[in-house]
Amino acid sequence: MRVWKLIPAMAFLFYAASASAQGWIEYVNTDDFFAVNFPGEPRVEEFIYVSEFKSPLPSRRYIGEDASGRYQMTVIDMHTTVRPPGRQGVELRGAMAYAASELRRTGEVTYDAYGEIQVIPGHQLQITLPDGRRNFVQIHYHDHRLYVAEAIVAGNMPPPVHFQASVSIVNEEGLAIRYTGEGTFSF
């Protein structure tokens, strides 16, 4: 008997959840080889990222915003890094650590750990920003590209899993890369 009373409440919650997700799209980019859910078509900003070893690297930031927050994927093309003499590959291998250290400076770190997608090594951060918003960050390096996914939401919002769980590295056809285990990743 009580189950029937729950149905209208459950229907309302389902409607509210689907209404808040309206406008979200799966965005697949075969130029920068990633896919992620965005609240509508993202705007794109091109800029130069300066690496730890001062390499000027061409980069793009894909940004989507809605009432719940700002969602962005930054892709840094590391094909033209300086690679200091005697330290070949150091800039590439340290790219995730450097990006994470720069992001840590933006607020109070509340989560800082290894993370991966599709067996691609990465790093995850959760940072409370000075204005109280929270930044949920994923950093990954694949095929000479550094990927930094950020979801910045109000401090009282739940974690933005609809964005975080959708981050994927794709191939030239837009299909998610599927590695099967260890030994498949190299710099």
N, C-alpha and C. Protein backbone atom coordinates (compact mmCIF):
# COMPACT_ATOMS: atom_id res chain seq x y z
N MET A 1 0.82 -1.19 0.00
CA MET A 1 0.00 0.00 0.00
C MET A 1 0.86 1.25 0.00
N ARG A 2 1.93 1.26 0.79
CA ARG A 2 2.80 2.44 0.86
C ARG A 2 3.57 2.66 -0.43
N VAL A 3 3.83 1.60 -1.18
CA VAL A 3 4.55 1.73 -2.44
C VAL A 3 3.82 2.70 -3.37
N TRP A 4 2.51 2.64 -3.40
CA TRP A 4 1.73 3.52 -4.28
C TRP A 4 1.91 4.99 -3.90
N LYS A 5 2.15 5.25 -2.63
CA LYS A 5 2.37 6.64 -2.22
C LYS A 5 3.74 7.14 -2.66
N LEU A 6 4.69 6.23 -2.83
CA LEU A 6 6.04 6.62 -3.25
C LEU A 6 6.13 6.90 -4.74
N ILE A 7 5.27 6.33 -5.53
CA ILE A 7 5.36 6.49 -6.98
C ILE A 7 5.30 7.95 -7.42
N PRO A 8 4.34 8.78 -6.93
CA PRO A 8 4.35 10.19 -7.35
C PRO A 8 5.64 10.91 -6.94
N ALA A 9 6.16 10.60 -5.76
CA ALA A 9 7.40 11.24 -5.32
C ALA A 9 8.57 10.80 -6.19
N MET A 10 8.63 9.52 -6.52
CA MET A 10 9.69 9.02 -7.38
C MET A 10 9.58 9.62 -8.78
N ALA A 11 8.37 9.76 -9.28
CA ALA A 11 8.16 10.35 -10.60
C ALA A 11 8.65 11.80 -10.61
N PHE A 12 8.37 12.53 -9.54
CA PHE A 12 8.82 13.91 -9.46
C PHE A 12 10.35 13.99 -9.45
N LEU A 13 10.99 13.13 -8.66
CA LEU A 13 12.45 13.13 -8.59
C LEU A 13 13.06 12.78 -9.95
N PHE A 14 12.47 11.81 -10.65
CA PHE A 14 12.96 11.44 -11.97
C PHE A 14 12.81 12.62 -12.92
N TYR A 15 11.67 13.31 -12.87
CA TYR A 15 11.43 14.46 -13.73
C TYR A 15 12.42 15.57 -13.42
N ALA A 16 12.64 15.85 -12.15
CA ALA A 16 13.55 16.92 -11.75
C ALA A 16 14.98 16.60 -12.19
N ALA A 17 15.39 15.35 -12.04
CA ALA A 17 16.73 14.96 -12.45
C ALA A 17 16.89 15.06 -13.96
N SER A 18 15.89 14.61 -14.71
CA SER A 18 16.01 14.67 -16.16
C SER A 18 15.92 16.11 -16.66
N ALA A 19 15.15 16.96 -15.99
CA ALA A 19 15.05 18.36 -16.40
C ALA A 19 16.38 19.06 -16.19
N SER A 20 17.08 18.75 -15.10
CA SER A 20 18.36 19.42 -14.86
C SER A 20 19.43 18.92 -15.81
N ALA A 21 19.26 17.73 -16.37
CA ALA A 21 20.25 17.18 -17.30
C ALA A 21 19.95 17.58 -18.74
N GLN A 22 18.82 18.21 -19.01
CA GLN A 22 18.49 18.62 -20.36
C GLN A 22 19.54 19.58 -20.87
N GLY A 23 19.86 19.45 -22.12
CA GLY A 23 20.85 20.31 -22.71
C GLY A 23 22.26 19.72 -22.66
N TRP A 24 22.47 18.71 -21.86
CA TRP A 24 23.78 18.07 -21.80
C TRP A 24 23.96 17.21 -23.04
N ILE A 25 25.15 17.25 -23.61
CA ILE A 25 25.46 16.48 -24.81
C ILE A 25 26.75 15.69 -24.59
N GLU A 26 26.89 14.62 -25.34
CA GLU A 26 28.18 13.94 -25.38
C GLU A 26 28.98 14.63 -26.47
N TYR A 27 30.07 15.25 -26.07
CA TYR A 27 30.91 15.99 -27.00
C TYR A 27 32.12 15.13 -27.34
N VAL A 28 32.31 14.84 -28.62
CA VAL A 28 33.42 14.02 -29.07
C VAL A 28 34.30 14.88 -29.97
N ASN A 29 35.58 14.95 -29.67
CA ASN A 29 36.51 15.76 -30.44
C ASN A 29 37.61 14.87 -30.99
N THR A 30 37.63 14.69 -32.31
CA THR A 30 38.63 13.81 -32.93
C THR A 30 39.89 14.57 -33.34
N ASP A 31 39.93 15.89 -33.14
CA ASP A 31 41.18 16.63 -33.36
C ASP A 31 42.07 16.53 -32.13
N ASP A 32 41.47 16.64 -30.94
CA ASP A 32 42.22 16.55 -29.69
C ASP A 32 42.01 15.22 -28.97
N PHE A 33 41.25 14.31 -29.56
CA PHE A 33 41.13 12.92 -29.12
C PHE A 33 40.56 12.76 -27.72
N PHE A 34 39.41 13.36 -27.47
CA PHE A 34 38.73 13.17 -26.19
C PHE A 34 37.23 13.23 -26.40
N ALA A 35 36.52 12.72 -25.40
CA ALA A 35 35.06 12.82 -25.35
C ALA A 35 34.69 13.15 -23.90
N VAL A 36 33.63 13.94 -23.74
CA VAL A 36 33.16 14.31 -22.40
C VAL A 36 31.76 14.88 -22.54
N ASN A 37 30.97 14.77 -21.50
CA ASN A 37 29.64 15.39 -21.49
C ASN A 37 29.77 16.86 -21.13
N PHE A 38 29.08 17.71 -21.88
CA PHE A 38 29.05 19.15 -21.62
C PHE A 38 27.60 19.62 -21.57
N PRO A 39 27.34 20.72 -20.84
CA PRO A 39 25.99 21.30 -20.85
C PRO A 39 25.81 22.16 -22.10
N GLY A 40 25.66 21.51 -23.24
CA GLY A 40 25.55 22.19 -24.52
C GLY A 40 26.88 22.23 -25.24
N GLU A 41 26.87 22.81 -26.43
CA GLU A 41 28.09 22.91 -27.24
C GLU A 41 29.10 23.82 -26.53
N PRO A 42 30.33 23.33 -26.31
CA PRO A 42 31.30 24.16 -25.58
C PRO A 42 31.89 25.26 -26.47
N ARG A 43 32.30 26.34 -25.83
CA ARG A 43 33.08 27.35 -26.55
C ARG A 43 34.54 26.93 -26.44
N VAL A 44 35.35 27.37 -27.38
CA VAL A 44 36.74 26.94 -27.44
C VAL A 44 37.65 28.16 -27.35
N GLU A 45 38.65 28.07 -26.48
CA GLU A 45 39.66 29.11 -26.34
C GLU A 45 41.01 28.50 -26.69
N GLU A 46 41.75 29.16 -27.57
CA GLU A 46 43.11 28.72 -27.88
C GLU A 46 44.07 29.60 -27.10
N PHE A 47 45.12 29.01 -26.56
CA PHE A 47 46.10 29.77 -25.79
C PHE A 47 47.42 29.01 -25.79
N ILE A 48 48.45 29.65 -25.26
CA ILE A 48 49.76 29.02 -25.12
C ILE A 48 49.96 28.65 -23.66
N TYR A 49 50.20 27.39 -23.41
CA TYR A 49 50.51 26.88 -22.07
C TYR A 49 52.02 26.87 -21.94
N VAL A 50 52.53 27.35 -20.83
CA VAL A 50 53.97 27.34 -20.58
C VAL A 50 54.28 26.21 -19.61
N SER A 51 55.08 25.27 -20.08
CA SER A 51 55.39 24.08 -19.29
C SER A 51 56.41 24.38 -18.19
N GLU A 52 56.68 23.37 -17.40
CA GLU A 52 57.65 23.49 -16.31
C GLU A 52 59.02 23.93 -16.81
N PHE A 53 59.39 23.47 -18.02
CA PHE A 53 60.68 23.83 -18.60
C PHE A 53 60.57 24.99 -19.58
N LYS A 54 59.47 25.74 -19.45
CA LYS A 54 59.23 26.96 -20.22
C LYS A 54 58.98 26.73 -21.70
N SER A 55 58.55 25.55 -22.08
CA SER A 55 58.16 25.31 -23.46
C SER A 55 56.82 25.98 -23.70
N PRO A 56 56.69 26.78 -24.77
CA PRO A 56 55.39 27.35 -25.12
C PRO A 56 54.62 26.32 -25.94
N LEU A 57 53.50 25.84 -25.41
CA LEU A 57 52.79 24.73 -26.04
C LEU A 57 51.39 25.16 -26.49
N PRO A 58 51.03 24.87 -27.74
CA PRO A 58 49.69 25.22 -28.21
C PRO A 58 48.64 24.41 -27.44
N SER A 59 47.59 25.09 -27.03
CA SER A 59 46.58 24.46 -26.18
C SER A 59 45.20 24.95 -26.53
N ARG A 60 44.21 24.14 -26.16
CA ARG A 60 42.81 24.52 -26.32
C ARG A 60 42.06 24.21 -25.04
N ARG A 61 41.13 25.09 -24.72
CA ARG A 61 40.26 24.87 -23.57
C ARG A 61 38.83 24.87 -24.09
N TYR A 62 38.12 23.78 -23.80
CA TYR A 62 36.72 23.63 -24.20
C TYR A 62 35.89 23.88 -22.94
N ILE A 63 34.96 24.85 -23.01
CA ILE A 63 34.25 25.30 -21.82
C ILE A 63 32.75 25.22 -22.03
N GLY A 64 32.08 24.61 -21.08
CA GLY A 64 30.62 24.59 -21.03
C GLY A 64 30.17 25.08 -19.67
N GLU A 65 29.13 25.89 -19.65
CA GLU A 65 28.63 26.42 -18.38
C GLU A 65 27.12 26.31 -18.34
N ASP A 66 26.61 26.09 -17.16
CA ASP A 66 25.17 26.17 -16.91
C ASP A 66 24.97 26.64 -15.48
N ALA A 67 23.75 26.60 -15.00
CA ALA A 67 23.46 27.10 -13.65
C ALA A 67 24.20 26.31 -12.57
N SER A 68 24.58 25.07 -12.87
CA SER A 68 25.24 24.25 -11.84
C SER A 68 26.74 24.46 -11.77
N GLY A 69 27.36 25.03 -12.82
CA GLY A 69 28.79 25.24 -12.74
C GLY A 69 29.46 25.43 -14.08
N ARG A 70 30.78 25.37 -14.03
CA ARG A 70 31.63 25.53 -15.21
C ARG A 70 32.37 24.20 -15.42
N TYR A 71 32.35 23.72 -16.63
CA TYR A 71 32.95 22.44 -16.97
C TYR A 71 33.92 22.67 -18.12
N GLN A 72 35.16 22.21 -17.95
CA GLN A 72 36.12 22.48 -19.01
C GLN A 72 37.11 21.34 -19.19
N MET A 73 37.53 21.19 -20.42
CA MET A 73 38.57 20.24 -20.79
C MET A 73 39.67 21.04 -21.46
N THR A 74 40.87 20.99 -20.89
CA THR A 74 42.02 21.66 -21.47
C THR A 74 42.91 20.58 -22.08
N VAL A 75 43.32 20.80 -23.33
CA VAL A 75 44.19 19.86 -24.02
C VAL A 75 45.46 20.61 -24.41
N ILE A 76 46.59 20.11 -23.91
CA ILE A 76 47.88 20.74 -24.15
C ILE A 76 48.68 19.82 -25.07
N ASP A 77 49.04 20.33 -26.23
CA ASP A 77 49.79 19.55 -27.22
C ASP A 77 51.26 19.62 -26.86
N MET A 78 51.82 18.49 -26.42
CA MET A 78 53.21 18.46 -25.94
C MET A 78 54.17 17.90 -26.98
N HIS A 79 53.77 17.90 -28.25
CA HIS A 79 54.65 17.39 -29.30
C HIS A 79 55.89 18.26 -29.50
N THR A 80 55.85 19.52 -29.07
CA THR A 80 56.96 20.45 -29.32
C THR A 80 57.65 20.89 -28.04
N THR A 81 57.72 20.04 -27.04
CA THR A 81 58.38 20.42 -25.78
C THR A 81 59.87 20.64 -26.00
N VAL A 82 60.50 21.38 -25.09
CA VAL A 82 61.92 21.72 -25.20
C VAL A 82 62.81 20.49 -25.04
N ARG A 83 62.48 19.63 -24.09
CA ARG A 83 63.29 18.45 -23.78
C ARG A 83 64.74 18.84 -23.54
N PRO A 84 65.04 19.38 -22.39
CA PRO A 84 66.40 19.85 -22.08
C PRO A 84 67.45 18.78 -22.33
N PRO A 85 68.64 19.19 -22.82
CA PRO A 85 69.71 18.21 -23.07
C PRO A 85 70.01 17.40 -21.82
N GLY A 86 70.19 16.13 -22.00
CA GLY A 86 70.49 15.25 -20.88
C GLY A 86 69.26 14.88 -20.05
N ARG A 87 68.11 15.46 -20.37
CA ARG A 87 66.89 15.17 -19.61
C ARG A 87 65.73 14.86 -20.56
N GLN A 88 66.06 14.17 -21.64
CA GLN A 88 65.04 13.83 -22.62
C GLN A 88 63.86 13.12 -21.97
N GLY A 89 62.70 13.60 -22.21
CA GLY A 89 61.49 12.97 -21.70
C GLY A 89 61.07 13.43 -20.32
N VAL A 90 61.93 14.14 -19.59
CA VAL A 90 61.58 14.58 -18.23
C VAL A 90 60.36 15.50 -18.26
N GLU A 91 60.35 16.41 -19.22
CA GLU A 91 59.22 17.35 -19.31
C GLU A 91 57.91 16.61 -19.56
N LEU A 92 57.97 15.58 -20.38
CA LEU A 92 56.77 14.80 -20.67
C LEU A 92 56.35 13.99 -19.46
N ARG A 93 57.30 13.29 -18.84
CA ARG A 93 56.97 12.45 -17.70
C ARG A 93 56.49 13.25 -16.50
N GLY A 94 56.97 14.48 -16.38
CA GLY A 94 56.57 15.32 -15.25
C GLY A 94 55.38 16.22 -15.54
N ALA A 95 54.80 16.12 -16.72
CA ALA A 95 53.73 17.04 -17.11
C ALA A 95 52.52 16.98 -16.18
N MET A 96 52.09 15.78 -15.79
CA MET A 96 50.94 15.66 -14.90
C MET A 96 51.26 16.22 -13.53
N ALA A 97 52.45 15.93 -13.02
CA ALA A 97 52.84 16.42 -11.70
C ALA A 97 52.91 17.94 -11.68
N TYR A 98 53.44 18.52 -12.75
CA TYR A 98 53.54 19.97 -12.81
C TYR A 98 52.14 20.61 -12.87
N ALA A 99 51.28 20.07 -13.71
CA ALA A 99 49.91 20.60 -13.80
C ALA A 99 49.20 20.49 -12.46
N ALA A 100 49.37 19.36 -11.77
CA ALA A 100 48.74 19.18 -10.45
C ALA A 100 49.28 20.17 -9.44
N SER A 101 50.59 20.42 -9.47
CA SER A 101 51.17 21.35 -8.50
C SER A 101 50.66 22.77 -8.75
N GLU A 102 50.47 23.14 -10.00
CA GLU A 102 49.93 24.47 -10.31
C GLU A 102 48.48 24.59 -9.84
N LEU A 103 47.69 23.55 -10.01
CA LEU A 103 46.29 23.58 -9.58
C LEU A 103 46.17 23.59 -8.05
N ARG A 104 47.07 22.90 -7.38
CA ARG A 104 47.03 22.89 -5.90
C ARG A 104 47.14 24.30 -5.32
N ARG A 105 47.77 25.20 -6.03
CA ARG A 105 47.96 26.58 -5.57
C ARG A 105 46.67 27.40 -5.59
N THR A 106 45.61 26.87 -6.22
CA THR A 106 44.39 27.66 -6.39
C THR A 106 43.45 27.60 -5.19
N GLY A 107 43.71 26.73 -4.23
CA GLY A 107 42.83 26.63 -3.07
C GLY A 107 43.26 25.55 -2.11
N GLU A 108 42.33 25.12 -1.27
CA GLU A 108 42.61 24.08 -0.28
C GLU A 108 42.32 22.71 -0.89
N VAL A 109 43.34 21.88 -0.96
CA VAL A 109 43.20 20.55 -1.55
C VAL A 109 42.53 19.63 -0.52
N THR A 110 41.41 19.00 -0.93
CA THR A 110 40.70 18.09 -0.03
C THR A 110 40.80 16.63 -0.50
N TYR A 111 41.29 16.43 -1.72
CA TYR A 111 41.51 15.07 -2.23
C TYR A 111 42.65 15.16 -3.23
N ASP A 112 43.60 14.23 -3.15
CA ASP A 112 44.80 14.28 -3.98
C ASP A 112 45.28 12.85 -4.15
N ALA A 113 45.03 12.24 -5.31
CA ALA A 113 45.36 10.83 -5.46
C ALA A 113 45.54 10.44 -6.92
N TYR A 114 46.16 9.29 -7.10
CA TYR A 114 46.28 8.68 -8.42
C TYR A 114 44.88 8.35 -8.93
N GLY A 115 44.71 8.46 -10.22
CA GLY A 115 43.46 8.04 -10.85
C GLY A 115 43.76 7.66 -12.29
N GLU A 116 42.90 6.88 -12.88
CA GLU A 116 43.10 6.53 -14.28
C GLU A 116 41.77 6.41 -14.99
N ILE A 117 41.84 6.55 -16.30
CA ILE A 117 40.70 6.26 -17.15
C ILE A 117 41.20 5.34 -18.25
N GLN A 118 40.47 4.29 -18.52
CA GLN A 118 40.82 3.36 -19.60
C GLN A 118 42.25 2.84 -19.45
N VAL A 119 42.71 2.64 -18.25
CA VAL A 119 44.04 2.17 -17.90
C VAL A 119 45.12 3.20 -18.26
N ILE A 120 44.72 4.44 -18.50
CA ILE A 120 45.65 5.53 -18.77
C ILE A 120 45.92 6.22 -17.43
N PRO A 121 47.17 6.25 -16.99
CA PRO A 121 47.48 6.86 -15.69
C PRO A 121 47.07 8.32 -15.62
N GLY A 122 46.74 8.74 -14.41
CA GLY A 122 46.35 10.12 -14.22
C GLY A 122 46.40 10.51 -12.76
N HIS A 123 45.86 11.68 -12.50
CA HIS A 123 45.83 12.21 -11.15
C HIS A 123 44.50 12.91 -10.93
N GLN A 124 43.96 12.80 -9.73
CA GLN A 124 42.70 13.45 -9.38
C GLN A 124 42.91 14.39 -8.20
N LEU A 125 42.26 15.53 -8.29
CA LEU A 125 42.29 16.51 -7.21
C LEU A 125 40.88 17.00 -6.95
N GLN A 126 40.61 17.34 -5.70
CA GLN A 126 39.43 18.12 -5.35
C GLN A 126 39.95 19.30 -4.55
N ILE A 127 39.57 20.49 -5.00
CA ILE A 127 40.11 21.71 -4.41
C ILE A 127 38.96 22.63 -4.04
N THR A 128 38.95 23.09 -2.79
CA THR A 128 37.99 24.11 -2.39
C THR A 128 38.64 25.46 -2.69
N LEU A 129 38.00 26.22 -3.57
CA LEU A 129 38.52 27.50 -4.00
C LEU A 129 38.25 28.57 -2.94
N PRO A 130 38.97 29.68 -2.96
CA PRO A 130 38.78 30.72 -1.95
C PRO A 130 37.34 31.24 -1.84
N ASP A 131 36.56 31.21 -2.93
CA ASP A 131 35.17 31.69 -2.89
C ASP A 131 34.18 30.62 -2.45
N GLY A 132 34.68 29.42 -2.04
CA GLY A 132 33.80 28.36 -1.55
C GLY A 132 33.40 27.34 -2.60
N ARG A 133 33.59 27.64 -3.87
CA ARG A 133 33.29 26.65 -4.91
C ARG A 133 34.31 25.52 -4.84
N ARG A 134 33.95 24.38 -5.43
CA ARG A 134 34.85 23.23 -5.45
C ARG A 134 35.24 22.90 -6.89
N ASN A 135 36.50 22.56 -7.08
CA ASN A 135 37.01 22.18 -8.39
C ASN A 135 37.38 20.70 -8.34
N PHE A 136 36.72 19.92 -9.18
CA PHE A 136 36.98 18.48 -9.30
C PHE A 136 37.83 18.30 -10.56
N VAL A 137 39.06 17.83 -10.39
CA VAL A 137 40.04 17.81 -11.46
C VAL A 137 40.48 16.39 -11.79
N GLN A 138 40.65 16.12 -13.08
CA GLN A 138 41.28 14.89 -13.57
C GLN A 138 42.37 15.31 -14.54
N ILE A 139 43.56 14.76 -14.37
CA ILE A 139 44.68 15.07 -15.26
C ILE A 139 45.19 13.75 -15.84
N HIS A 140 45.34 13.72 -17.16
CA HIS A 140 45.84 12.51 -17.83
C HIS A 140 46.80 12.91 -18.93
N TYR A 141 47.75 12.05 -19.21
CA TYR A 141 48.70 12.25 -20.30
C TYR A 141 48.58 11.06 -21.23
N HIS A 142 48.42 11.35 -22.53
CA HIS A 142 48.34 10.27 -23.51
C HIS A 142 48.80 10.79 -24.87
N ASP A 143 49.67 10.06 -25.49
CA ASP A 143 50.13 10.35 -26.85
C ASP A 143 50.56 11.81 -27.03
N HIS A 144 51.42 12.27 -26.16
CA HIS A 144 51.97 13.64 -26.21
C HIS A 144 50.92 14.72 -26.05
N ARG A 145 49.83 14.40 -25.36
CA ARG A 145 48.82 15.40 -25.01
C ARG A 145 48.52 15.29 -23.52
N LEU A 146 48.44 16.46 -22.90
CA LEU A 146 48.06 16.53 -21.50
C LEU A 146 46.60 16.97 -21.45
N TYR A 147 45.77 16.20 -20.76
CA TYR A 147 44.34 16.48 -20.64
C TYR A 147 44.04 16.88 -19.20
N VAL A 148 43.39 18.04 -19.03
CA VAL A 148 43.01 18.50 -17.70
C VAL A 148 41.51 18.78 -17.73
N ALA A 149 40.74 17.91 -17.09
CA ALA A 149 39.28 18.07 -17.00
C ALA A 149 38.95 18.70 -15.65
N GLU A 150 38.16 19.77 -15.68
CA GLU A 150 37.79 20.46 -14.44
C GLU A 150 36.29 20.71 -14.41
N ALA A 151 35.70 20.44 -13.27
CA ALA A 151 34.29 20.75 -13.01
C ALA A 151 34.25 21.63 -11.78
N ILE A 152 33.87 22.88 -11.96
CA ILE A 152 33.85 23.84 -10.85
C ILE A 152 32.40 24.11 -10.50
N VAL A 153 32.01 23.70 -9.28
CA VAL A 153 30.61 23.83 -8.85
C VAL A 153 30.55 24.50 -7.48
N ALA A 154 29.35 24.97 -7.14
CA ALA A 154 29.15 25.59 -5.83
C ALA A 154 29.48 24.60 -4.73
N GLY A 155 29.92 25.12 -3.59
CA GLY A 155 30.33 24.28 -2.47
C GLY A 155 29.24 23.38 -1.93
N ASN A 156 27.97 23.76 -2.13
CA ASN A 156 26.86 22.95 -1.62
C ASN A 156 26.31 21.98 -2.66
N MET A 157 26.91 21.92 -3.83
CA MET A 157 26.46 21.01 -4.89
C MET A 157 27.09 19.63 -4.71
N PRO A 158 26.40 18.58 -5.15
CA PRO A 158 27.02 17.26 -5.10
C PRO A 158 28.14 17.17 -6.14
N PRO A 159 29.03 16.21 -6.02
CA PRO A 159 30.09 16.04 -7.03
C PRO A 159 29.47 15.90 -8.43
N PRO A 160 30.08 16.53 -9.42
CA PRO A 160 29.53 16.53 -10.78
C PRO A 160 29.88 15.26 -11.57
N VAL A 161 29.34 14.14 -11.11
CA VAL A 161 29.70 12.86 -11.71
C VAL A 161 29.27 12.74 -13.17
N HIS A 162 28.22 13.47 -13.57
CA HIS A 162 27.79 13.42 -14.97
C HIS A 162 28.88 13.92 -15.90
N PHE A 163 29.76 14.78 -15.41
CA PHE A 163 30.90 15.25 -16.18
C PHE A 163 32.11 14.34 -15.95
N GLN A 164 32.44 14.12 -14.69
CA GLN A 164 33.64 13.36 -14.34
C GLN A 164 33.66 11.96 -14.94
N ALA A 165 32.56 11.26 -14.85
CA ALA A 165 32.51 9.87 -15.32
C ALA A 165 32.51 9.77 -16.84
N SER A 166 32.26 10.88 -17.52
CA SER A 166 32.17 10.83 -18.98
C SER A 166 33.50 11.09 -19.68
N VAL A 167 34.53 11.49 -18.96
CA VAL A 167 35.82 11.81 -19.57
C VAL A 167 36.40 10.55 -20.21
N SER A 168 36.81 10.69 -21.47
CA SER A 168 37.33 9.55 -22.21
C SER A 168 38.38 10.02 -23.22
N ILE A 169 39.39 9.22 -23.44
CA ILE A 169 40.36 9.46 -24.50
C ILE A 169 39.91 8.61 -25.69
N VAL A 170 39.84 9.22 -26.87
CA VAL A 170 39.31 8.53 -28.04
C VAL A 170 40.35 8.42 -29.15
N ASN A 171 40.07 7.58 -30.12
CA ASN A 171 40.94 7.45 -31.29
C ASN A 171 40.45 8.37 -32.41
N GLU A 172 41.05 8.27 -33.57
CA GLU A 172 40.70 9.16 -34.68
C GLU A 172 39.28 8.97 -35.20
N GLU A 173 38.64 7.87 -34.86
CA GLU A 173 37.24 7.65 -35.23
C GLU A 173 36.26 8.11 -34.14
N GLY A 174 36.79 8.59 -33.02
CA GLY A 174 35.95 9.06 -31.93
C GLY A 174 35.52 7.96 -30.98
N LEU A 175 36.15 6.80 -31.09
CA LEU A 175 35.82 5.67 -30.22
C LEU A 175 36.79 5.62 -29.05
N ALA A 176 36.27 5.31 -27.88
CA ALA A 176 37.11 5.24 -26.67
C ALA A 176 38.22 4.22 -26.84
N ILE A 177 39.42 4.63 -26.47
CA ILE A 177 40.56 3.72 -26.49
C ILE A 177 40.36 2.72 -25.37
N ARG A 178 40.61 1.46 -25.64
CA ARG A 178 40.42 0.42 -24.63
C ARG A 178 41.72 -0.35 -24.45
N TYR A 179 42.49 0.02 -23.45
CA TYR A 179 43.67 -0.74 -23.10
C TYR A 179 43.23 -1.87 -22.19
N THR A 180 44.03 -2.94 -22.18
CA THR A 180 43.62 -4.12 -21.42
C THR A 180 44.43 -4.35 -20.16
N GLY A 181 45.48 -3.61 -19.93
CA GLY A 181 46.24 -3.85 -18.71
C GLY A 181 47.55 -3.12 -18.70
N GLU A 182 48.43 -3.54 -17.80
CA GLU A 182 49.72 -2.90 -17.63
C GLU A 182 50.60 -3.12 -18.85
N GLY A 183 51.58 -2.24 -19.00
CA GLY A 183 52.52 -2.37 -20.09
C GLY A 183 52.06 -1.73 -21.38
N THR A 184 50.91 -1.05 -21.36
CA THR A 184 50.39 -0.48 -22.60
C THR A 184 50.62 1.03 -22.68
N PHE A 185 51.21 1.62 -21.66
CA PHE A 185 51.37 3.07 -21.61
C PHE A 185 52.84 3.42 -21.61
N SER A 186 53.22 4.37 -22.45
CA SER A 186 54.61 4.82 -22.43
C SER A 186 54.65 6.29 -22.81
N PHE A 187 55.76 6.95 -22.48
CA PHE A 187 55.97 8.35 -22.82
C PHE A 187 56.74 8.45 -24.10
